[in-house]
Amino acid sequence: MKVRQSLKSAKNRDRNCQLVRRRGKLYIINKKNPRLKTRQG
């Protein structure tokens, strides 16, 4: 999982990307393509 400063560009990479907040961290998950998982914080 990549750690990024900005998630806006990561969210636009694929239309299946979803922004999720878990335990105070922001995650982008993608069920169709799990390689696009990223987190911030």
PDB file of N, CA and C in Angstrom:
ATOM      1  N   MET A   1       0.845  -1.188   0.000  1.00  0.00           N
ATOM      2  CA  MET A   1       0.000   0.000   0.000  1.00  0.00           C
ATOM      3  C   MET A   1       0.880   1.238   0.000  1.00  0.00           C
ATOM      4  N   LYS A   2       0.596   2.147  -0.889  1.00  0.00           N
ATOM      5  CA  LYS A   2       1.393   3.363  -0.984  1.00  0.00           C
ATOM      6  C   LYS A   2       0.863   4.416  -0.012  1.00  0.00           C
ATOM      7  N   VAL A   3       1.776   5.204   0.564  1.00  0.00           N
ATOM      8  CA  VAL A   3       1.406   6.340   1.407  1.00  0.00           C
ATOM      9  C   VAL A   3       1.637   7.598   0.588  1.00  0.00           C
ATOM     10  N   ARG A   4       0.598   8.401   0.456  1.00  0.00           N
ATOM     11  CA  ARG A   4       0.680   9.590  -0.392  1.00  0.00           C
ATOM     12  C   ARG A   4       0.320  10.838   0.388  1.00  0.00           C
ATOM     13  N   GLN A   5       0.847  11.970  -0.077  1.00  0.00           N
ATOM     14  CA  GLN A   5       0.510  13.250   0.538  1.00  0.00           C
ATOM     15  C   GLN A   5      -0.876  13.703   0.112  1.00  0.00           C
ATOM     16  N   SER A   6      -1.192  13.494  -1.159  1.00  0.00           N
ATOM     17  CA  SER A   6      -2.478  13.950  -1.687  1.00  0.00           C
ATOM     18  C   SER A   6      -3.217  12.763  -2.289  1.00  0.00           C
ATOM     19  N   LEU A   7      -4.475  12.606  -1.913  1.00  0.00           N
ATOM     20  CA  LEU A   7      -5.265  11.481  -2.413  1.00  0.00           C
ATOM     21  C   LEU A   7      -6.161  11.873  -3.574  1.00  0.00           C
ATOM     22  N   LYS A   8      -6.213  13.152  -3.895  1.00  0.00           N
ATOM     23  CA  LYS A   8      -7.130  13.582  -4.949  1.00  0.00           C
ATOM     24  C   LYS A   8      -6.754  12.968  -6.290  1.00  0.00           C
ATOM     25  N   SER A   9      -5.456  12.974  -6.617  1.00  0.00           N
ATOM     26  CA  SER A   9      -5.027  12.394  -7.886  1.00  0.00           C
ATOM     27  C   SER A   9      -5.189  10.881  -7.872  1.00  0.00           C
ATOM     28  N   ALA A  10      -5.015  10.253  -6.700  1.00  0.00           N
ATOM     29  CA  ALA A  10      -5.165   8.795  -6.608  1.00  0.00           C
ATOM     30  C   ALA A  10      -6.617   8.381  -6.802  1.00  0.00           C
ATOM     31  N   LYS A  11      -7.543   9.216  -6.346  1.00  0.00           N
ATOM     32  CA  LYS A  11      -8.955   8.876  -6.472  1.00  0.00           C
ATOM     33  C   LYS A  11      -9.405   8.935  -7.932  1.00  0.00           C
ATOM     34  N   ASN A  12      -8.767   9.796  -8.720  1.00  0.00           N
ATOM     35  CA  ASN A  12      -9.177   9.969 -10.113  1.00  0.00           C
ATOM     36  C   ASN A  12      -8.562   8.945 -11.058  1.00  0.00           C
ATOM     37  N   ARG A  13      -7.715   8.052 -10.538  1.00  0.00           N
ATOM     38  CA  ARG A  13      -7.063   7.087 -11.431  1.00  0.00           C
ATOM     39  C   ARG A  13      -8.026   6.056 -11.981  1.00  0.00           C
ATOM     40  N   ASP A  14      -9.055   5.722 -11.206  1.00  0.00           N
ATOM     41  CA  ASP A  14      -9.990   4.683 -11.639  1.00  0.00           C
ATOM     42  C   ASP A  14     -11.357   5.025 -11.084  1.00  0.00           C
ATOM     43  N   ARG A  15     -12.411   4.704 -11.812  1.00  0.00           N
ATOM     44  CA  ARG A  15     -13.735   5.114 -11.330  1.00  0.00           C
ATOM     45  C   ARG A  15     -14.272   4.216 -10.236  1.00  0.00           C
ATOM     46  N   ASN A  16     -13.592   3.098  -9.953  1.00  0.00           N
ATOM     47  CA  ASN A  16     -14.011   2.234  -8.848  1.00  0.00           C
ATOM     48  C   ASN A  16     -13.339   2.588  -7.521  1.00  0.00           C
ATOM     49  N   CYS A  17     -12.498   3.614  -7.525  1.00  0.00           N
ATOM     50  CA  CYS A  17     -11.811   4.012  -6.297  1.00  0.00           C
ATOM     51  C   CYS A  17     -12.806   4.673  -5.340  1.00  0.00           C
ATOM     52  N   GLN A  18     -12.719   4.284  -4.056  1.00  0.00           N
ATOM     53  CA  GLN A  18     -13.586   4.871  -3.036  1.00  0.00           C
ATOM     54  C   GLN A  18     -12.727   5.433  -1.923  1.00  0.00           C
ATOM     55  N   LEU A  19     -13.106   6.603  -1.430  1.00  0.00           N
ATOM     56  CA  LEU A  19     -12.416   7.238  -0.315  1.00  0.00           C
ATOM     57  C   LEU A  19     -13.074   6.782   0.982  1.00  0.00           C
ATOM     58  N   VAL A  20     -12.281   6.223   1.891  1.00  0.00           N
ATOM     59  CA  VAL A  20     -12.798   5.675   3.145  1.00  0.00           C
ATOM     60  C   VAL A  20     -11.960   6.219   4.285  1.00  0.00           C
ATOM     61  N   ARG A  21     -12.599   6.557   5.403  1.00  0.00           N
ATOM     62  CA  ARG A  21     -11.881   7.011   6.586  1.00  0.00           C
ATOM     63  C   ARG A  21     -11.951   5.923   7.657  1.00  0.00           C
ATOM     64  N   ARG A  22     -10.791   5.437   8.076  1.00  0.00           N
ATOM     65  CA  ARG A  22     -10.735   4.403   9.115  1.00  0.00           C
ATOM     66  C   ARG A  22      -9.680   4.774  10.142  1.00  0.00           C
ATOM     67  N   ARG A  23     -10.072   4.812  11.400  1.00  0.00           N
ATOM     68  CA  ARG A  23      -9.158   5.078  12.517  1.00  0.00           C
ATOM     69  C   ARG A  23      -8.335   6.349  12.311  1.00  0.00           C
ATOM     70  N   GLY A  24      -8.993   7.391  11.791  1.00  0.00           N
ATOM     71  CA  GLY A  24      -8.324   8.674  11.616  1.00  0.00           C
ATOM     72  C   GLY A  24      -7.427   8.770  10.395  1.00  0.00           C
ATOM     73  N   LYS A  25      -7.348   7.717   9.592  1.00  0.00           N
ATOM     74  CA  LYS A  25      -6.547   7.749   8.378  1.00  0.00           C
ATOM     75  C   LYS A  25      -7.467   7.697   7.165  1.00  0.00           C
ATOM     76  N   LEU A  26      -7.036   8.332   6.092  1.00  0.00           N
ATOM     77  CA  LEU A  26      -7.803   8.301   4.851  1.00  0.00           C
ATOM     78  C   LEU A  26      -7.249   7.214   3.946  1.00  0.00           C
ATOM     79  N   TYR A  27      -8.129   6.382   3.438  1.00  0.00           N
ATOM     80  CA  TYR A  27      -7.729   5.292   2.552  1.00  0.00           C
ATOM     81  C   TYR A  27      -8.475   5.412   1.240  1.00  0.00           C
ATOM     82  N   ILE A  28      -7.827   4.967   0.174  1.00  0.00           N
ATOM     83  CA  ILE A  28      -8.523   4.763  -1.091  1.00  0.00           C
ATOM     84  C   ILE A  28      -8.480   3.279  -1.376  1.00  0.00           C
ATOM     85  N   ILE A  29      -9.665   2.680  -1.533  1.00  0.00           N
ATOM     86  CA  ILE A  29      -9.742   1.250  -1.810  1.00  0.00           C
ATOM     87  C   ILE A  29     -10.401   1.054  -3.164  1.00  0.00           C
ATOM     88  N   ASN A  30     -10.030  -0.045  -3.794  1.00  0.00           N
ATOM     89  CA  ASN A  30     -10.583  -0.363  -5.102  1.00  0.00           C
ATOM     90  C   ASN A  30     -10.775  -1.874  -5.164  1.00  0.00           C
ATOM     91  N   LYS A  31     -12.018  -2.312  -5.136  1.00  0.00           N
ATOM     92  CA  LYS A  31     -12.284  -3.750  -5.112  1.00  0.00           C
ATOM     93  C   LYS A  31     -11.980  -4.422  -6.442  1.00  0.00           C
ATOM     94  N   LYS A  32     -12.122  -3.670  -7.543  1.00  0.00           N
ATOM     95  CA  LYS A  32     -11.860  -4.265  -8.858  1.00  0.00           C
ATOM     96  C   LYS A  32     -10.369  -4.380  -9.137  1.00  0.00           C
ATOM     97  N   ASN A  33      -9.585  -3.405  -8.661  1.00  0.00           N
ATOM     98  CA  ASN A  33      -8.138  -3.404  -8.893  1.00  0.00           C
ATOM     99  C   ASN A  33      -7.425  -3.076  -7.578  1.00  0.00           C
ATOM    100  N   PRO A  34      -7.167  -4.078  -6.736  1.00  0.00           N
ATOM    101  CA  PRO A  34      -6.616  -3.818  -5.394  1.00  0.00           C
ATOM    102  C   PRO A  34      -5.219  -3.208  -5.406  1.00  0.00           C
ATOM    103  N   ARG A  35      -4.558  -3.178  -6.562  1.00  0.00           N
ATOM    104  CA  ARG A  35      -3.227  -2.557  -6.603  1.00  0.00           C
ATOM    105  C   ARG A  35      -3.294  -1.058  -6.384  1.00  0.00           C
ATOM    106  N   LEU A  36      -4.455  -0.454  -6.515  1.00  0.00           N
ATOM    107  CA  LEU A  36      -4.584   1.001  -6.391  1.00  0.00           C
ATOM    108  C   LEU A  36      -4.847   1.438  -4.948  1.00  0.00           C
ATOM    109  N   LYS A  37      -4.669   0.531  -3.970  1.00  0.00           N
ATOM    110  CA  LYS A  37      -4.895   0.915  -2.587  1.00  0.00           C
ATOM    111  C   LYS A  37      -3.845   1.925  -2.147  1.00  0.00           C
ATOM    112  N   THR A  38      -4.288   3.022  -1.509  1.00  0.00           N
ATOM    113  CA  THR A  38      -3.374   4.017  -0.964  1.00  0.00           C
ATOM    114  C   THR A  38      -3.911   4.495   0.364  1.00  0.00           C
ATOM    115  N   ARG A  39      -3.026   5.130   1.133  1.00  0.00           N
ATOM    116  CA  ARG A  39      -3.482   5.752   2.371  1.00  0.00           C
ATOM    117  C   ARG A  39      -2.763   7.056   2.591  1.00  0.00           C
ATOM    118  N   GLN A  40      -3.353   7.900   3.430  1.00  0.00           N
ATOM    119  CA  GLN A  40      -2.772   9.182   3.783  1.00  0.00           C
ATOM    120  C   GLN A  40      -2.768   9.292   5.289  1.00  0.00           C
ATOM    121  N   GLY A  41      -1.625   9.751   5.862  1.00  0.00           N
ATOM    122  CA  GLY A  41      -1.543   9.924   7.315  1.00  0.00           C
ATOM    123  C   GLY A  41      -0.862   8.773   8.006  1.00  0.00           C
TER     124      GLY A  41
END
